[in-house]
Amino acid sequence: MRSQTDIQSVSVGEPTRRLPGVEGVWVFVAADMMVFALMFGSFMVSRHQSPALFEANRHALNPNFGGVNTLILLTSSWFAALALESVRKSRFVLAQRFIGGAFLCGLAFMVSKGIEYTVKLNAGISLTTNEFFMYYFTLTGIHLFHVVAGNVVLVVLWFRARSRSCDPERPVVFECGAIYWHFVDLIWMILFPLLYLMR
């Protein structure tokens, strides 16, 4: 039977496991995911009711845009993860570079989406064209807003890394930023096949 002293020494020696970030950001992400889930469900119901319309209009989308945007966001999430790891190791200059990389990827996604929207609008396709494109512009537009918000978060994190105003042992602000950015990436991982690939 171990003594009280032994138990205390084991407790001190073992790292305390915790949820990254703060509870509030997880609640926000969960609530946002529920909203997207409802929209995805509504899309699937409408697609089931008008399969020919949705399939025909799916072919009007360029999967190359979707594929490039997927690679861009995956790369940005990788940069965000590397930035967080750099902060935990007190390598703040390196963290700034990775955050900058994630930010540039976010900008690239916005530019790519802007080009794709312009092509559609020039072809006379808009939110009011039909039900499929109503979902397309609504879902991708809301996601694009999240990307813009994520880039604002990255700017804040870049300045935090520059000023080194965080505890490397518990970089809560950076964890929250990374959680949000990964969430934005995850939503696109669902949107891409849902709109561009699913038959």
N, C-alpha and C. Protein backbone atom coordinates (compact mmCIF):
# COMPACT_ATOMS: atom_id res chain seq x y z
N MET A 1 0.85 -1.19 0.00
CA MET A 1 0.00 0.00 0.00
C MET A 1 0.89 1.25 0.00
N ARG A 2 0.61 2.20 -1.00
CA ARG A 2 1.45 3.38 -1.10
C ARG A 2 1.06 4.41 -0.06
N SER A 3 2.08 5.10 0.42
CA SER A 3 1.83 6.15 1.40
C SER A 3 1.28 7.39 0.73
N GLN A 4 0.79 8.31 1.56
CA GLN A 4 0.25 9.57 1.05
C GLN A 4 1.32 10.37 0.31
N THR A 5 2.56 10.28 0.80
CA THR A 5 3.67 11.00 0.17
C THR A 5 3.93 10.48 -1.23
N ASP A 6 3.88 9.12 -1.40
CA ASP A 6 4.10 8.51 -2.71
C ASP A 6 3.03 8.96 -3.69
N ILE A 7 1.79 8.97 -3.23
CA ILE A 7 0.67 9.37 -4.09
C ILE A 7 0.82 10.81 -4.54
N GLN A 8 1.24 11.68 -3.61
CA GLN A 8 1.41 13.08 -3.94
C GLN A 8 2.55 13.27 -4.94
N SER A 9 3.62 12.48 -4.80
CA SER A 9 4.75 12.62 -5.72
C SER A 9 4.39 12.17 -7.13
N VAL A 10 3.55 11.11 -7.22
CA VAL A 10 3.09 10.65 -8.53
C VAL A 10 2.21 11.71 -9.16
N SER A 11 1.33 12.31 -8.37
CA SER A 11 0.43 13.33 -8.88
C SER A 11 1.19 14.54 -9.41
N VAL A 12 2.25 14.91 -8.68
CA VAL A 12 3.05 16.06 -9.10
C VAL A 12 3.81 15.73 -10.37
N GLY A 13 4.30 14.50 -10.49
CA GLY A 13 5.10 14.12 -11.65
C GLY A 13 4.31 13.94 -12.92
N GLU A 14 3.03 13.63 -12.83
CA GLU A 14 2.21 13.40 -14.00
C GLU A 14 1.66 14.72 -14.53
N PRO A 15 1.79 14.95 -15.88
CA PRO A 15 1.24 16.19 -16.44
C PRO A 15 -0.29 16.16 -16.39
N THR A 16 -0.86 17.30 -16.09
CA THR A 16 -2.31 17.41 -16.03
C THR A 16 -2.88 17.54 -17.45
N ARG A 17 -3.78 16.66 -17.80
CA ARG A 17 -4.40 16.72 -19.13
C ARG A 17 -5.55 17.72 -19.09
N ARG A 18 -5.68 18.49 -20.15
CA ARG A 18 -6.75 19.47 -20.22
C ARG A 18 -7.21 19.62 -21.66
N LEU A 19 -8.39 20.18 -21.80
CA LEU A 19 -8.94 20.47 -23.12
C LEU A 19 -8.26 21.71 -23.66
N PRO A 20 -7.74 21.67 -24.91
CA PRO A 20 -7.09 22.87 -25.47
C PRO A 20 -8.07 24.05 -25.52
N GLY A 21 -7.53 25.25 -25.41
CA GLY A 21 -8.36 26.43 -25.49
C GLY A 21 -9.22 26.61 -24.25
N VAL A 22 -10.38 27.22 -24.45
CA VAL A 22 -11.33 27.41 -23.36
C VAL A 22 -12.66 26.78 -23.75
N GLU A 23 -13.49 26.51 -22.75
CA GLU A 23 -14.76 25.83 -23.01
C GLU A 23 -15.64 26.63 -23.97
N GLY A 24 -15.58 27.96 -23.85
CA GLY A 24 -16.43 28.81 -24.68
C GLY A 24 -16.22 28.61 -26.17
N VAL A 25 -14.96 28.44 -26.59
CA VAL A 25 -14.70 28.28 -28.02
C VAL A 25 -15.24 26.95 -28.52
N TRP A 26 -15.21 25.92 -27.66
CA TRP A 26 -15.77 24.63 -28.05
C TRP A 26 -17.29 24.70 -28.16
N VAL A 27 -17.91 25.46 -27.25
CA VAL A 27 -19.36 25.64 -27.32
C VAL A 27 -19.73 26.38 -28.61
N PHE A 28 -18.95 27.42 -28.94
CA PHE A 28 -19.20 28.17 -30.17
C PHE A 28 -19.06 27.28 -31.40
N VAL A 29 -17.98 26.50 -31.44
CA VAL A 29 -17.74 25.61 -32.59
C VAL A 29 -18.86 24.58 -32.70
N ALA A 30 -19.27 24.00 -31.57
CA ALA A 30 -20.35 23.00 -31.58
C ALA A 30 -21.65 23.61 -32.08
N ALA A 31 -21.97 24.83 -31.62
CA ALA A 31 -23.19 25.50 -32.05
C ALA A 31 -23.14 25.82 -33.54
N ASP A 32 -21.98 26.29 -34.00
CA ASP A 32 -21.81 26.61 -35.42
C ASP A 32 -21.92 25.36 -36.27
N MET A 33 -21.37 24.26 -35.78
CA MET A 33 -21.46 23.00 -36.51
C MET A 33 -22.91 22.52 -36.61
N MET A 34 -23.68 22.77 -35.57
CA MET A 34 -25.10 22.39 -35.60
C MET A 34 -25.85 23.19 -36.66
N VAL A 35 -25.51 24.47 -36.79
CA VAL A 35 -26.14 25.31 -37.82
C VAL A 35 -25.80 24.78 -39.21
N PHE A 36 -24.51 24.49 -39.43
CA PHE A 36 -24.10 23.94 -40.72
C PHE A 36 -24.75 22.57 -40.96
N ALA A 37 -24.86 21.76 -39.92
CA ALA A 37 -25.48 20.44 -40.06
C ALA A 37 -26.93 20.57 -40.52
N LEU A 38 -27.64 21.55 -39.97
CA LEU A 38 -29.03 21.78 -40.39
C LEU A 38 -29.09 22.20 -41.86
N MET A 39 -28.15 23.05 -42.27
CA MET A 39 -28.12 23.48 -43.68
C MET A 39 -27.75 22.32 -44.60
N PHE A 40 -26.80 21.49 -44.17
CA PHE A 40 -26.44 20.32 -44.96
C PHE A 40 -27.63 19.37 -45.09
N GLY A 41 -28.35 19.18 -43.97
CA GLY A 41 -29.53 18.32 -43.99
C GLY A 41 -30.60 18.86 -44.92
N SER A 42 -30.82 20.17 -44.90
CA SER A 42 -31.79 20.79 -45.79
C SER A 42 -31.39 20.61 -47.24
N PHE A 43 -30.08 20.75 -47.51
CA PHE A 43 -29.57 20.53 -48.86
C PHE A 43 -29.86 19.10 -49.33
N MET A 44 -29.60 18.14 -48.47
CA MET A 44 -29.81 16.74 -48.84
C MET A 44 -31.29 16.43 -49.09
N VAL A 45 -32.17 17.01 -48.28
CA VAL A 45 -33.62 16.81 -48.50
C VAL A 45 -34.03 17.38 -49.85
N SER A 46 -33.58 18.59 -50.15
CA SER A 46 -33.91 19.22 -51.43
C SER A 46 -33.32 18.44 -52.59
N ARG A 47 -32.12 17.92 -52.41
CA ARG A 47 -31.48 17.14 -53.47
C ARG A 47 -32.26 15.85 -53.72
N HIS A 48 -32.76 15.25 -52.66
CA HIS A 48 -33.56 14.03 -52.79
C HIS A 48 -34.86 14.30 -53.54
N GLN A 49 -35.41 15.49 -53.34
CA GLN A 49 -36.67 15.84 -53.99
C GLN A 49 -36.49 16.23 -55.45
N SER A 50 -35.31 16.78 -55.80
CA SER A 50 -35.06 17.20 -57.19
C SER A 50 -33.69 16.70 -57.64
N PRO A 51 -33.51 15.39 -57.73
CA PRO A 51 -32.18 14.85 -58.06
C PRO A 51 -31.66 15.27 -59.42
N ALA A 52 -32.54 15.34 -60.43
CA ALA A 52 -32.10 15.70 -61.78
C ALA A 52 -31.59 17.13 -61.82
N LEU A 53 -32.31 18.05 -61.17
CA LEU A 53 -31.91 19.45 -61.13
C LEU A 53 -30.56 19.61 -60.45
N PHE A 54 -30.38 18.98 -59.31
CA PHE A 54 -29.15 19.13 -58.55
C PHE A 54 -27.97 18.49 -59.29
N GLU A 55 -28.19 17.35 -59.91
CA GLU A 55 -27.11 16.69 -60.63
C GLU A 55 -26.70 17.49 -61.86
N ALA A 56 -27.67 18.02 -62.59
CA ALA A 56 -27.35 18.79 -63.79
C ALA A 56 -26.57 20.05 -63.44
N ASN A 57 -26.96 20.72 -62.37
CA ASN A 57 -26.29 21.96 -62.00
C ASN A 57 -24.96 21.73 -61.31
N ARG A 58 -24.80 20.56 -60.72
CA ARG A 58 -23.49 20.22 -60.13
C ARG A 58 -22.41 20.26 -61.20
N HIS A 59 -22.76 19.85 -62.42
CA HIS A 59 -21.78 19.83 -63.51
C HIS A 59 -21.39 21.23 -63.96
N ALA A 60 -22.15 22.23 -63.54
CA ALA A 60 -21.79 23.61 -63.89
C ALA A 60 -20.69 24.14 -62.98
N LEU A 61 -20.40 23.42 -61.90
CA LEU A 61 -19.31 23.81 -61.00
C LEU A 61 -17.99 23.22 -61.50
N ASN A 62 -16.92 23.95 -61.28
CA ASN A 62 -15.60 23.49 -61.68
C ASN A 62 -14.92 22.82 -60.47
N PRO A 63 -14.79 21.49 -60.49
CA PRO A 63 -14.18 20.81 -59.34
C PRO A 63 -12.72 21.19 -59.12
N ASN A 64 -12.08 21.76 -60.16
CA ASN A 64 -10.68 22.20 -59.99
C ASN A 64 -10.58 23.32 -58.96
N PHE A 65 -11.57 24.23 -58.99
CA PHE A 65 -11.61 25.29 -57.97
C PHE A 65 -11.74 24.67 -56.59
N GLY A 66 -12.68 23.73 -56.47
CA GLY A 66 -12.90 23.08 -55.18
C GLY A 66 -11.68 22.33 -54.70
N GLY A 67 -11.00 21.64 -55.62
CA GLY A 67 -9.80 20.88 -55.25
C GLY A 67 -8.67 21.78 -54.80
N VAL A 68 -8.44 22.87 -55.55
CA VAL A 68 -7.39 23.83 -55.18
C VAL A 68 -7.69 24.45 -53.82
N ASN A 69 -8.95 24.82 -53.61
CA ASN A 69 -9.33 25.42 -52.32
C ASN A 69 -9.15 24.44 -51.17
N THR A 70 -9.38 23.16 -51.45
CA THR A 70 -9.17 22.14 -50.43
C THR A 70 -7.70 22.06 -50.03
N LEU A 71 -6.82 22.06 -51.03
CA LEU A 71 -5.38 22.02 -50.76
C LEU A 71 -4.93 23.27 -50.00
N ILE A 72 -5.50 24.42 -50.39
CA ILE A 72 -5.15 25.67 -49.72
C ILE A 72 -5.50 25.61 -48.23
N LEU A 73 -6.73 25.16 -47.93
CA LEU A 73 -7.16 25.13 -46.53
C LEU A 73 -6.44 24.05 -45.72
N LEU A 74 -6.14 22.91 -46.35
CA LEU A 74 -5.37 21.89 -45.64
C LEU A 74 -3.98 22.42 -45.29
N THR A 75 -3.37 23.13 -46.23
CA THR A 75 -2.05 23.73 -45.98
C THR A 75 -2.13 24.76 -44.87
N SER A 76 -3.19 25.57 -44.89
CA SER A 76 -3.33 26.60 -43.86
C SER A 76 -3.51 25.98 -42.47
N SER A 77 -4.25 24.87 -42.39
CA SER A 77 -4.41 24.19 -41.10
C SER A 77 -3.09 23.61 -40.62
N TRP A 78 -2.30 23.12 -41.55
CA TRP A 78 -0.97 22.59 -41.21
C TRP A 78 -0.10 23.72 -40.64
N PHE A 79 -0.14 24.88 -41.29
CA PHE A 79 0.62 26.03 -40.80
C PHE A 79 0.14 26.44 -39.40
N ALA A 80 -1.19 26.42 -39.19
CA ALA A 80 -1.74 26.81 -37.89
C ALA A 80 -1.26 25.85 -36.79
N ALA A 81 -1.22 24.56 -37.10
CA ALA A 81 -0.75 23.57 -36.13
C ALA A 81 0.73 23.76 -35.83
N LEU A 82 1.52 24.05 -36.87
CA LEU A 82 2.96 24.29 -36.67
C LEU A 82 3.19 25.56 -35.86
N ALA A 83 2.35 26.57 -36.08
CA ALA A 83 2.48 27.82 -35.33
C ALA A 83 2.23 27.58 -33.85
N LEU A 84 1.18 26.82 -33.54
CA LEU A 84 0.86 26.52 -32.14
C LEU A 84 1.99 25.74 -31.48
N GLU A 85 2.54 24.77 -32.19
CA GLU A 85 3.64 23.98 -31.64
C GLU A 85 4.87 24.86 -31.41
N SER A 86 5.10 25.81 -32.31
CA SER A 86 6.23 26.73 -32.15
C SER A 86 6.06 27.61 -30.92
N VAL A 87 4.83 28.08 -30.69
CA VAL A 87 4.56 28.90 -29.50
C VAL A 87 4.83 28.09 -28.25
N ARG A 88 4.40 26.84 -28.24
CA ARG A 88 4.61 25.98 -27.06
C ARG A 88 6.09 25.75 -26.78
N LYS A 89 6.93 25.90 -27.82
CA LYS A 89 8.37 25.76 -27.64
C LYS A 89 9.07 27.10 -27.51
N SER A 90 8.27 28.18 -27.36
CA SER A 90 8.78 29.55 -27.21
C SER A 90 9.56 30.00 -28.44
N ARG A 91 9.24 29.45 -29.59
CA ARG A 91 9.90 29.86 -30.84
C ARG A 91 8.95 30.83 -31.55
N PHE A 92 8.89 32.04 -31.03
CA PHE A 92 7.88 33.00 -31.46
C PHE A 92 8.11 33.54 -32.88
N VAL A 93 9.36 33.70 -33.26
CA VAL A 93 9.65 34.18 -34.62
C VAL A 93 9.17 33.15 -35.64
N LEU A 94 9.44 31.88 -35.37
CA LEU A 94 8.98 30.82 -36.25
C LEU A 94 7.45 30.77 -36.26
N ALA A 95 6.85 30.97 -35.11
CA ALA A 95 5.38 30.98 -35.03
C ALA A 95 4.80 32.09 -35.90
N GLN A 96 5.44 33.26 -35.91
CA GLN A 96 4.98 34.36 -36.76
C GLN A 96 4.98 33.94 -38.23
N ARG A 97 6.02 33.24 -38.63
CA ARG A 97 6.12 32.82 -40.04
C ARG A 97 5.02 31.83 -40.40
N PHE A 98 4.76 30.89 -39.51
CA PHE A 98 3.71 29.91 -39.78
C PHE A 98 2.32 30.57 -39.78
N ILE A 99 2.11 31.51 -38.86
CA ILE A 99 0.83 32.23 -38.84
C ILE A 99 0.68 33.04 -40.13
N GLY A 100 1.77 33.65 -40.57
CA GLY A 100 1.75 34.38 -41.84
C GLY A 100 1.42 33.47 -43.01
N GLY A 101 1.95 32.25 -42.98
CA GLY A 101 1.64 31.28 -44.03
C GLY A 101 0.17 30.91 -44.03
N ALA A 102 -0.38 30.68 -42.85
CA ALA A 102 -1.81 30.37 -42.75
C ALA A 102 -2.66 31.53 -43.24
N PHE A 103 -2.25 32.76 -42.91
CA PHE A 103 -2.97 33.96 -43.34
C PHE A 103 -2.95 34.08 -44.87
N LEU A 104 -1.78 33.86 -45.47
CA LEU A 104 -1.68 33.94 -46.93
C LEU A 104 -2.55 32.87 -47.61
N CYS A 105 -2.61 31.69 -46.99
CA CYS A 105 -3.49 30.65 -47.52
C CYS A 105 -4.95 31.10 -47.45
N GLY A 106 -5.32 31.74 -46.35
CA GLY A 106 -6.67 32.27 -46.22
C GLY A 106 -6.96 33.29 -47.30
N LEU A 107 -6.00 34.18 -47.58
CA LEU A 107 -6.17 35.16 -48.65
C LEU A 107 -6.32 34.48 -50.00
N ALA A 108 -5.49 33.45 -50.23
CA ALA A 108 -5.55 32.72 -51.50
C ALA A 108 -6.92 32.07 -51.68
N PHE A 109 -7.48 31.54 -50.60
CA PHE A 109 -8.81 30.94 -50.67
C PHE A 109 -9.85 32.00 -51.04
N MET A 110 -9.75 33.18 -50.43
CA MET A 110 -10.70 34.25 -50.72
C MET A 110 -10.61 34.70 -52.18
N VAL A 111 -9.39 34.82 -52.68
CA VAL A 111 -9.19 35.22 -54.08
C VAL A 111 -9.76 34.16 -55.01
N SER A 112 -9.46 32.89 -54.73
CA SER A 112 -9.97 31.79 -55.55
C SER A 112 -11.49 31.77 -55.56
N LYS A 113 -12.09 31.96 -54.40
CA LYS A 113 -13.56 31.96 -54.30
C LYS A 113 -14.14 33.16 -55.04
N GLY A 114 -13.46 34.30 -54.94
CA GLY A 114 -13.91 35.49 -55.65
C GLY A 114 -13.90 35.28 -57.15
N ILE A 115 -12.84 34.63 -57.66
CA ILE A 115 -12.76 34.33 -59.10
C ILE A 115 -13.88 33.39 -59.50
N GLU A 116 -14.12 32.36 -58.68
CA GLU A 116 -15.18 31.39 -58.98
C GLU A 116 -16.55 32.07 -59.00
N TYR A 117 -16.81 32.94 -58.03
CA TYR A 117 -18.08 33.66 -58.01
C TYR A 117 -18.22 34.55 -59.25
N THR A 118 -17.13 35.22 -59.62
CA THR A 118 -17.17 36.11 -60.79
C THR A 118 -17.49 35.34 -62.06
N VAL A 119 -16.88 34.17 -62.22
CA VAL A 119 -17.16 33.33 -63.39
C VAL A 119 -18.64 32.96 -63.44
N LYS A 120 -19.19 32.59 -62.30
CA LYS A 120 -20.60 32.20 -62.25
C LYS A 120 -21.51 33.39 -62.56
N LEU A 121 -21.24 34.53 -61.95
CA LEU A 121 -22.08 35.71 -62.17
C LEU A 121 -22.00 36.19 -63.61
N ASN A 122 -20.82 36.13 -64.21
CA ASN A 122 -20.67 36.52 -65.62
C ASN A 122 -21.41 35.58 -66.56
N ALA A 123 -21.61 34.34 -66.10
CA ALA A 123 -22.36 33.36 -66.89
C ALA A 123 -23.86 33.48 -66.64
N GLY A 124 -24.26 34.45 -65.84
CA GLY A 124 -25.67 34.65 -65.55
C GLY A 124 -26.21 33.75 -64.45
N ILE A 125 -25.30 33.15 -63.68
CA ILE A 125 -25.71 32.26 -62.59
C ILE A 125 -25.60 33.02 -61.28
N SER A 126 -26.68 33.04 -60.52
CA SER A 126 -26.68 33.76 -59.25
C SER A 126 -27.46 32.99 -58.19
N LEU A 127 -27.63 33.62 -57.05
CA LEU A 127 -28.36 33.02 -55.93
C LEU A 127 -29.79 32.66 -56.30
N THR A 128 -30.37 33.41 -57.23
CA THR A 128 -31.78 33.21 -57.60
C THR A 128 -31.98 32.35 -58.84
N THR A 129 -30.90 31.80 -59.38
CA THR A 129 -31.02 30.99 -60.62
C THR A 129 -31.92 29.78 -60.40
N ASN A 130 -31.62 29.00 -59.38
CA ASN A 130 -32.45 27.84 -59.03
C ASN A 130 -32.09 27.40 -57.61
N GLU A 131 -32.71 26.32 -57.17
CA GLU A 131 -32.52 25.88 -55.78
C GLU A 131 -31.09 25.42 -55.50
N PHE A 132 -30.48 24.75 -56.49
CA PHE A 132 -29.11 24.28 -56.28
C PHE A 132 -28.17 25.46 -56.04
N PHE A 133 -28.27 26.47 -56.89
CA PHE A 133 -27.35 27.60 -56.75
C PHE A 133 -27.71 28.49 -55.56
N MET A 134 -28.94 28.43 -55.11
CA MET A 134 -29.28 29.10 -53.86
C MET A 134 -28.48 28.49 -52.71
N TYR A 135 -28.43 27.15 -52.69
CA TYR A 135 -27.64 26.47 -51.67
C TYR A 135 -26.14 26.72 -51.87
N TYR A 136 -25.70 26.67 -53.13
CA TYR A 136 -24.28 26.85 -53.42
C TYR A 136 -23.78 28.20 -52.91
N PHE A 137 -24.45 29.27 -53.29
CA PHE A 137 -24.00 30.60 -52.88
C PHE A 137 -24.18 30.83 -51.38
N THR A 138 -25.25 30.29 -50.82
CA THR A 138 -25.49 30.47 -49.38
C THR A 138 -24.45 29.74 -48.55
N LEU A 139 -24.25 28.45 -48.84
CA LEU A 139 -23.32 27.64 -48.05
C LEU A 139 -21.88 28.12 -48.20
N THR A 140 -21.47 28.33 -49.45
CA THR A 140 -20.08 28.77 -49.66
C THR A 140 -19.88 30.21 -49.19
N GLY A 141 -20.93 31.03 -49.29
CA GLY A 141 -20.81 32.41 -48.82
C GLY A 141 -20.65 32.49 -47.32
N ILE A 142 -21.45 31.71 -46.60
CA ILE A 142 -21.32 31.68 -45.13
C ILE A 142 -19.95 31.14 -44.73
N HIS A 143 -19.49 30.11 -45.45
CA HIS A 143 -18.17 29.57 -45.16
C HIS A 143 -17.08 30.61 -45.45
N LEU A 144 -17.24 31.35 -46.54
CA LEU A 144 -16.26 32.38 -46.88
C LEU A 144 -16.20 33.45 -45.80
N PHE A 145 -17.35 33.79 -45.24
CA PHE A 145 -17.38 34.74 -44.12
C PHE A 145 -16.56 34.20 -42.95
N HIS A 146 -16.66 32.90 -42.69
CA HIS A 146 -15.88 32.29 -41.61
C HIS A 146 -14.38 32.36 -41.91
N VAL A 147 -14.01 32.21 -43.19
CA VAL A 147 -12.60 32.31 -43.56
C VAL A 147 -12.09 33.73 -43.32
N VAL A 148 -12.89 34.72 -43.70
CA VAL A 148 -12.51 36.12 -43.47
C VAL A 148 -12.32 36.37 -41.97
N ALA A 149 -13.27 35.89 -41.17
CA ALA A 149 -13.16 36.04 -39.71
C ALA A 149 -11.92 35.33 -39.19
N GLY A 150 -11.63 34.15 -39.75
CA GLY A 150 -10.44 33.40 -39.35
C GLY A 150 -9.16 34.16 -39.65
N ASN A 151 -9.13 34.85 -40.79
CA ASN A 151 -7.94 35.63 -41.12
C ASN A 151 -7.75 36.81 -40.16
N VAL A 152 -8.85 37.39 -39.70
CA VAL A 152 -8.76 38.44 -38.69
C VAL A 152 -8.15 37.87 -37.41
N VAL A 153 -8.60 36.68 -37.03
CA VAL A 153 -8.05 36.00 -35.85
C VAL A 153 -6.54 35.76 -36.04
N LEU A 154 -6.15 35.35 -37.23
CA LEU A 154 -4.73 35.09 -37.48
C LEU A 154 -3.89 36.36 -37.35
N VAL A 155 -4.44 37.49 -37.78
CA VAL A 155 -3.72 38.77 -37.61
C VAL A 155 -3.49 39.05 -36.13
N VAL A 156 -4.53 38.83 -35.33
CA VAL A 156 -4.41 39.04 -33.88
C VAL A 156 -3.33 38.12 -33.31
N LEU A 157 -3.34 36.85 -33.73
CA LEU A 157 -2.36 35.89 -33.23
C LEU A 157 -0.94 36.27 -33.66
N TRP A 158 -0.81 36.81 -34.87
CA TRP A 158 0.51 37.21 -35.36
C TRP A 158 1.09 38.29 -34.44
N PHE A 159 0.26 39.27 -34.08
CA PHE A 159 0.74 40.34 -33.20
C PHE A 159 1.01 39.81 -31.79
N ARG A 160 0.21 38.84 -31.34
CA ARG A 160 0.47 38.24 -30.03
C ARG A 160 1.81 37.51 -30.03
N ALA A 161 2.09 36.81 -31.13
CA ALA A 161 3.38 36.11 -31.24
C ALA A 161 4.52 37.10 -31.30
N ARG A 162 4.30 38.20 -31.99
CA ARG A 162 5.34 39.22 -32.11
C ARG A 162 5.67 39.83 -30.76
N SER A 163 4.64 40.08 -29.96
CA SER A 163 4.86 40.69 -28.64
C SER A 163 5.19 39.66 -27.57
N ARG A 164 5.07 38.36 -27.95
CA ARG A 164 5.34 37.26 -27.03
C ARG A 164 4.50 37.34 -25.76
N SER A 165 3.27 37.82 -25.93
CA SER A 165 2.38 38.02 -24.77
C SER A 165 1.52 36.79 -24.53
N CYS A 166 2.18 35.70 -24.21
CA CYS A 166 1.45 34.48 -23.86
C CYS A 166 2.38 33.56 -23.08
N ASP A 167 1.78 32.63 -22.39
CA ASP A 167 2.53 31.63 -21.62
C ASP A 167 2.71 30.40 -22.50
N PRO A 168 3.95 30.07 -22.88
CA PRO A 168 4.17 28.89 -23.73
C PRO A 168 3.63 27.60 -23.12
N GLU A 169 3.53 27.56 -21.79
CA GLU A 169 3.01 26.37 -21.14
C GLU A 169 1.48 26.25 -21.29
N ARG A 170 0.83 27.38 -21.53
CA ARG A 170 -0.62 27.38 -21.67
C ARG A 170 -1.04 28.49 -22.65
N PRO A 171 -0.74 28.30 -23.94
CA PRO A 171 -1.04 29.33 -24.94
C PRO A 171 -2.52 29.29 -25.37
N VAL A 172 -3.40 29.65 -24.44
CA VAL A 172 -4.85 29.48 -24.64
C VAL A 172 -5.35 30.22 -25.87
N VAL A 173 -4.91 31.47 -26.06
CA VAL A 173 -5.39 32.27 -27.19
C VAL A 173 -5.01 31.60 -28.51
N PHE A 174 -3.80 31.10 -28.60
CA PHE A 174 -3.35 30.43 -29.82
C PHE A 174 -4.11 29.13 -30.04
N GLU A 175 -4.39 28.42 -28.97
CA GLU A 175 -5.18 27.19 -29.08
C GLU A 175 -6.58 27.48 -29.60
N CYS A 176 -7.19 28.52 -29.07
CA CYS A 176 -8.54 28.89 -29.52
C CYS A 176 -8.53 29.27 -31.00
N GLY A 177 -7.51 30.03 -31.41
CA GLY A 177 -7.41 30.41 -32.82
C GLY A 177 -7.23 29.20 -33.72
N ALA A 178 -6.39 28.26 -33.30
CA ALA A 178 -6.16 27.05 -34.09
C ALA A 178 -7.42 26.19 -34.16
N ILE A 179 -8.15 26.09 -33.06
CA ILE A 179 -9.40 25.32 -33.05
C ILE A 179 -10.37 25.89 -34.06
N TYR A 180 -10.54 27.21 -34.05
CA TYR A 180 -11.47 27.84 -35.00
C TYR A 180 -11.02 27.61 -36.43
N TRP A 181 -9.72 27.76 -36.69
CA TRP A 181 -9.23 27.61 -38.06
C TRP A 181 -9.39 26.17 -38.56
N HIS A 182 -9.17 25.21 -37.69
CA HIS A 182 -9.38 23.81 -38.07
C HIS A 182 -10.87 23.53 -38.33
N PHE A 183 -11.73 24.19 -37.56
CA PHE A 183 -13.17 24.06 -37.76
C PHE A 183 -13.55 24.57 -39.14
N VAL A 184 -13.02 25.72 -39.54
CA VAL A 184 -13.30 26.27 -40.87
C VAL A 184 -12.85 25.30 -41.96
N ASP A 185 -11.70 24.69 -41.75
CA ASP A 185 -11.18 23.69 -42.68
C ASP A 185 -12.10 22.48 -42.75
N LEU A 186 -12.55 22.01 -41.60
CA LEU A 186 -13.44 20.84 -41.54
C LEU A 186 -14.74 21.09 -42.30
N ILE A 187 -15.33 22.27 -42.14
CA ILE A 187 -16.57 22.59 -42.84
C ILE A 187 -16.37 22.51 -44.34
N TRP A 188 -15.22 23.01 -44.83
CA TRP A 188 -14.96 22.93 -46.27
C TRP A 188 -14.78 21.48 -46.72
N MET A 189 -14.20 20.65 -45.87
CA MET A 189 -14.02 19.23 -46.21
C MET A 189 -15.38 18.54 -46.45
N ILE A 190 -16.42 19.08 -45.85
CA ILE A 190 -17.77 18.55 -46.07
C ILE A 190 -18.41 19.22 -47.28
N LEU A 191 -18.22 20.54 -47.39
CA LEU A 191 -18.84 21.29 -48.48
C LEU A 191 -18.33 20.85 -49.85
N PHE A 192 -17.03 20.63 -49.96
CA PHE A 192 -16.44 20.30 -51.26
C PHE A 192 -17.08 19.06 -51.89
N PRO A 193 -17.09 17.92 -51.23
CA PRO A 193 -17.75 16.76 -51.86
C PRO A 193 -19.26 16.92 -51.97
N LEU A 194 -19.87 17.61 -51.02
CA LEU A 194 -21.32 17.78 -51.03
C LEU A 194 -21.78 18.53 -52.27
N LEU A 195 -21.08 19.59 -52.62
CA LEU A 195 -21.50 20.42 -53.74
C LEU A 195 -20.87 20.03 -55.08
N TYR A 196 -19.60 19.64 -55.05
CA TYR A 196 -18.86 19.44 -56.29
C TYR A 196 -18.79 17.99 -56.77
N LEU A 197 -18.86 17.03 -55.85
CA LEU A 197 -18.53 15.65 -56.22
C LEU A 197 -19.69 14.66 -56.09
N MET A 198 -20.57 14.87 -55.13
CA MET A 198 -21.58 13.87 -54.83
C MET A 198 -22.59 13.69 -55.97
N ARG A 199 -22.81 12.44 -56.37
CA ARG A 199 -23.74 12.15 -57.47
C ARG A 199 -25.04 11.58 -56.91
